[in-house]
Protein backbone atom coordinates (compact mmCIF):
# COMPACT_ATOMS: atom_id res chain seq x y z
CA MET A 1 -5.34 28.24 -16.79
CA PRO A 2 -3.55 24.89 -15.62
CA GLN A 3 -3.91 21.53 -18.00
CA VAL A 4 -6.51 19.15 -17.00
CA VAL A 5 -6.34 15.80 -18.51
CA VAL A 6 -9.40 13.58 -17.86
CA GLU A 7 -8.80 10.29 -18.89
CA GLY A 8 -11.06 8.63 -21.81
CA CYS A 9 -11.46 12.70 -23.10
CA ASP A 10 -9.43 13.98 -25.95
CA GLU A 11 -6.98 16.73 -25.19
CA PRO A 12 -9.35 19.23 -23.35
CA THR A 13 -10.26 22.79 -24.62
CA PHE A 14 -11.08 25.88 -22.73
CA ASP A 15 -14.08 27.96 -23.69
CA SER A 16 -16.47 30.10 -21.81
CA LEU A 17 -20.04 31.22 -21.23
CA HIS A 18 -22.42 33.32 -22.15
CA LYS A 19 -25.89 33.79 -21.48
CA VAL A 20 -28.46 31.99 -20.27
CA ILE A 21 -32.20 31.48 -21.12
CA VAL A 22 -34.88 31.59 -18.25
CA LYS A 23 -38.49 30.44 -18.58
CA LEU A 24 -41.19 32.19 -16.42
CA GLU A 25 -44.07 30.42 -14.87
CA ASN A 26 -46.34 33.17 -17.75
CA GLY A 27 -44.96 30.70 -20.51
CA GLU A 28 -41.73 33.32 -22.00
CA THR A 29 -38.52 33.46 -22.35
CA LYS A 30 -35.76 35.85 -21.32
CA LYS A 31 -32.51 36.18 -22.33
CA ILE A 32 -29.62 36.68 -20.25
CA THR A 33 -26.83 37.87 -20.81
CA PHE A 34 -23.09 38.48 -18.10
CA ALA A 35 -19.23 38.33 -18.37
CA ILE A 36 -19.41 36.14 -15.10
CA CYS A 37 -21.31 32.94 -14.08
CA VAL A 38 -21.79 31.59 -10.56
CA ILE A 39 -23.60 28.04 -10.00
CA ALA A 40 -25.13 28.19 -6.23
CA ALA A 41 -28.43 26.63 -7.13
CA GLY A 42 -28.58 24.52 -3.48
CA ALA A 43 -29.37 21.25 -4.26
CA GLN A 44 -30.58 21.98 -8.28
CA SER A 45 -27.11 23.10 -8.87
CA GLY A 46 -25.85 18.94 -10.93
CA HIS A 47 -29.02 19.96 -12.76
CA ILE A 48 -27.97 23.58 -13.66
CA ALA A 49 -24.43 21.85 -14.26
CA SER A 50 -25.76 19.98 -17.09
CA LEU A 51 -27.80 22.48 -18.43
CA ALA A 52 -23.92 24.03 -19.11
CA ASN A 53 -23.05 20.61 -21.17
CA ILE A 54 -21.01 19.40 -17.63
CA GLY A 55 -20.69 15.84 -17.93
CA SER A 56 -21.75 15.23 -20.98
CA GLY A 57 -19.01 17.49 -22.86
CA PRO A 58 -15.25 16.50 -23.61
CA GLY A 59 -13.15 17.03 -21.74
CA PRO A 60 -13.24 18.19 -18.12
CA LEU A 61 -16.99 18.91 -18.89
CA LYS A 62 -17.24 15.30 -18.80
CA VAL A 63 -16.94 14.61 -15.06
CA PRO A 64 -20.34 15.90 -13.73
CA LEU A 65 -21.28 18.28 -11.12
CA PRO A 66 -21.74 15.35 -7.88
CA VAL A 67 -24.26 17.24 -5.99
CA GLU A 68 -28.06 16.44 -5.72
CA PRO A 69 -30.92 16.81 -3.48
CA ARG A 70 -31.55 14.81 -0.58
CA LYS A 71 -34.61 15.14 1.65
CA ARG A 72 -33.87 16.06 4.59
CA TYR A 73 -36.23 16.95 7.91
CA VAL A 74 -36.14 19.48 10.98
CA PHE A 75 -38.51 18.97 13.87
CA ASN A 76 -38.74 22.00 16.28
CA ILE A 77 -39.66 20.53 20.14
CA HIS A 78 -40.79 22.04 23.89
CA CYS A 79 -38.94 20.51 27.17
CA ASN A 80 -40.05 22.55 29.96
CA ASN A 81 -36.51 20.98 31.79
CA GLY A 82 -34.09 21.33 28.78
CA PRO A 83 -31.18 22.35 28.60
CA GLY A 84 -30.04 25.23 29.69
CA LEU A 85 -29.48 28.40 27.62
CA ASN A 86 -25.29 27.70 26.98
CA THR A 87 -26.31 24.58 25.24
CA PRO A 88 -24.56 23.94 22.51
CA LEU A 89 -25.54 22.25 19.17
CA THR A 90 -25.34 18.53 20.18
CA VAL A 91 -24.26 15.79 17.57
CA ASP A 92 -24.72 12.19 19.38
CA PRO A 93 -22.33 9.04 18.10
CA THR A 94 -25.28 8.65 15.87
CA GLY A 95 -24.94 11.51 14.42
CA THR A 96 -28.07 12.24 15.13
CA TYR A 97 -28.25 16.40 16.58
CA PHE A 98 -30.01 19.24 18.63
CA ARG A 99 -29.30 22.35 19.92
CA ARG A 100 -31.52 25.23 21.82
CA GLU A 101 -34.09 27.25 19.40
CA GLY A 102 -34.73 30.79 22.01
CA LEU A 103 -35.86 31.14 24.56
CA GLY A 104 -38.90 29.45 25.65
CA GLY A 105 -37.92 25.48 26.13
CA ASN A 106 -37.61 24.99 22.21
CA TYR A 107 -35.19 22.66 20.35
CA ILE A 108 -34.57 21.90 16.72
CA CYS A 109 -33.44 18.70 15.99
CA GLY A 110 -33.09 16.10 13.08
CA VAL A 111 -30.55 13.59 11.37
CA CYS A 112 -29.31 12.26 8.35
CA PRO A 113 -30.83 8.73 7.66
CA PRO A 114 -29.34 5.76 6.32
CA PRO A 115 -28.10 5.41 2.25
CA GLU A 116 -30.82 2.75 1.82
CA GLU A 117 -33.37 4.65 3.56
CA GLU A 118 -32.87 8.13 1.67
CA PRO A 119 -36.37 9.64 1.48
CA ASP A 120 -38.56 10.46 -1.13
CA ILE A 121 -37.22 14.27 -3.03
CA ASN A 122 -40.71 14.23 -5.16
CA ASN A 123 -42.73 15.65 -2.29
CA LEU A 124 -41.37 17.38 1.27
CA ASP A 125 -44.41 15.79 3.55
CA VAL A 126 -43.05 14.86 6.46
CA ASP A 127 -42.08 11.85 7.70
CA HIS A 128 -43.68 12.12 11.79
CA LYS A 129 -42.64 8.12 12.60
CA PHE A 130 -38.95 8.88 11.42
CA PHE A 131 -39.14 11.65 14.34
CA GLU A 132 -40.69 8.93 16.73
CA GLU A 133 -38.01 6.11 15.49
CA LYS A 134 -34.56 7.88 14.67
CA ILE A 135 -34.57 10.46 16.61
CA TRP A 136 -36.62 10.80 20.31
CA PRO A 137 -35.20 7.27 21.48
CA VAL A 138 -31.69 8.67 20.59
CA ILE A 139 -32.14 12.72 22.18
CA ALA A 140 -33.64 10.89 25.00
CA HIS A 141 -30.78 8.52 26.08
CA ARG A 142 -28.47 11.02 25.55
CA VAL A 143 -30.76 13.87 27.65
CA PRO A 144 -32.97 11.99 29.18
CA ALA A 145 -35.27 15.23 30.11
CA PHE A 146 -36.18 15.24 26.63
CA GLU A 147 -37.93 11.70 27.43
CA ALA A 148 -40.98 14.44 28.18
CA ILE A 149 -41.43 16.48 24.46
CA LYS A 150 -43.66 17.91 22.54
CA VAL A 151 -43.66 18.10 18.80
CA LYS A 152 -44.55 21.67 17.98
CA SER A 153 -43.75 21.97 14.10
CA ALA A 154 -41.70 20.34 11.96
CA TRP A 155 -40.79 20.95 8.21
CA ALA A 156 -38.47 19.47 5.05
CA GLY A 157 -35.88 20.66 3.01
CA TYR A 158 -33.60 19.83 0.48
CA TYR A 159 -29.85 19.48 1.37
CA ASP A 160 -27.22 20.05 -1.35
CA TYR A 161 -25.42 16.97 -0.84
CA ASN A 162 -21.75 16.45 -2.36
CA PHE A 163 -22.43 12.67 -3.18
CA PHE A 164 -18.28 12.81 -4.09
CA ASP A 165 -17.21 13.44 -0.53
CA ARG A 166 -19.91 15.33 1.08
CA ASN A 167 -17.72 18.78 1.01
CA GLY A 168 -18.18 22.22 -1.10
CA ILE A 169 -17.15 22.28 -3.93
CA ILE A 170 -16.08 26.21 -4.48
CA GLY A 171 -13.96 28.14 -7.22
CA PRO A 172 -13.62 28.15 -10.72
CA HIS A 173 -14.48 25.09 -13.15
CA PRO A 174 -11.73 23.51 -14.80
CA GLY A 175 -14.09 23.84 -17.91
CA TYR A 176 -14.62 27.34 -18.67
CA LEU A 177 -12.84 30.44 -18.30
CA ASN A 178 -15.53 32.25 -15.70
CA LEU A 179 -18.07 29.89 -14.11
CA TYR A 180 -17.47 29.35 -10.41
CA LEU A 181 -18.77 26.55 -7.93
CA ALA A 182 -20.11 27.45 -4.81
CA THR A 183 -22.08 24.21 -3.92
CA GLY A 184 -22.21 21.05 -2.34
CA PHE A 185 -21.96 21.47 1.51
CA SER A 186 -24.27 19.26 2.52
CA GLY A 187 -26.55 20.41 5.23
CA HIS A 188 -23.40 22.90 6.15
CA GLY A 189 -23.69 25.54 4.10
CA LEU A 190 -25.50 28.42 5.82
CA GLN A 191 -22.44 27.78 8.54
CA GLN A 192 -20.07 28.26 5.53
CA ALA A 193 -21.82 30.74 3.76
CA PRO A 194 -19.75 34.26 4.98
CA ALA A 195 -16.36 32.36 4.10
CA VAL A 196 -17.30 31.04 0.66
CA GLY A 197 -18.88 34.36 -0.04
CA ARG A 198 -15.79 36.49 0.58
CA ALA A 199 -13.62 33.59 -0.93
CA ILE A 200 -15.69 34.07 -4.48
CA MET A 201 -15.84 37.36 -4.67
CA GLU A 202 -11.75 37.34 -4.17
CA LEU A 203 -11.78 34.68 -6.64
CA ILE A 204 -13.67 37.35 -9.50
CA VAL A 205 -12.00 40.56 -8.04
CA ASP A 206 -8.73 39.21 -7.42
CA GLY A 207 -8.16 36.50 -9.17
CA SER A 208 -7.26 34.30 -6.49
CA PHE A 209 -8.05 33.43 -2.44
CA ARG A 210 -6.77 36.24 -0.44
CA THR A 211 -8.46 35.46 3.28
CA ILE A 212 -8.55 31.68 3.32
CA ASP A 213 -6.84 29.46 0.64
CA LEU A 214 -9.67 26.86 -0.26
CA SER A 215 -8.26 25.76 -3.57
CA LYS A 216 -8.49 21.68 -1.54
CA LEU A 217 -12.11 22.75 -1.48
CA GLY A 218 -12.52 22.92 -5.67
CA TYR A 219 -13.43 21.09 -8.42
CA GLN A 220 -9.58 19.63 -8.95
CA ARG A 221 -10.10 16.86 -6.80
CA ILE A 222 -13.19 15.87 -8.22
CA LEU A 223 -11.07 15.48 -11.21
CA ASN A 224 -8.54 13.43 -9.88
CA ARG A 225 -10.41 11.26 -7.56
CA GLU A 226 -9.50 12.48 -4.26
CA PRO A 227 -12.20 13.19 -1.80
CA ALA A 228 -12.42 15.11 1.07
CA TYR A 229 -14.08 13.70 2.89
CA GLU A 230 -16.75 15.72 5.64
CA LEU A 231 -17.30 13.16 8.38
CA ASN A 232 -19.95 15.32 10.66
CA ILE A 233 -22.77 15.17 8.53
CA VAL A 234 -26.00 15.95 10.71
């Protein structure tokens, strides 16, 4: 393993993780032992990492995993005369997006709020005023037919938001010999999941990336403070 030096820390030592304690809904606890661990816990990855002393340990463990929950809304709208079946995922310069959903004139849409308007993550309530004020005017300007729409449903969920550079963190953690990360995708994890799953499999089975070299998305950039910014977050 390459030497990792973190400013202000003692010379690093490398360790392995061997077990996790799981608390069940009935209060009972179970111990699970393992040889290899992958943190791919979505929005809770930062919290799970902290349980492994990432962010509070020595050396490279001093640097926390920069992933936290961010609440996002998705609105399902209906428009009789909207864009046709060949409509791609469309992203306005404001970051507002829409895409067709199925064959019945349905679309889903959303946008990331500005930092000063981040919604409360302690509930999954949907703010319909957010659609009326932030989304509808933009998509109606982009597609005039969207002036006449009906909101059919809406939901809220969590992004595993990487507040360092909004990009996925993929690969081994430099402080543990048997810990891998696949998290922080900030809303585009579903699109990248097949490739990321293969990449983590190659690291575990073959010891290196084989199909696509994803080293630039590794944890080393976090330690080096070298962000690989993702600009197309919607």
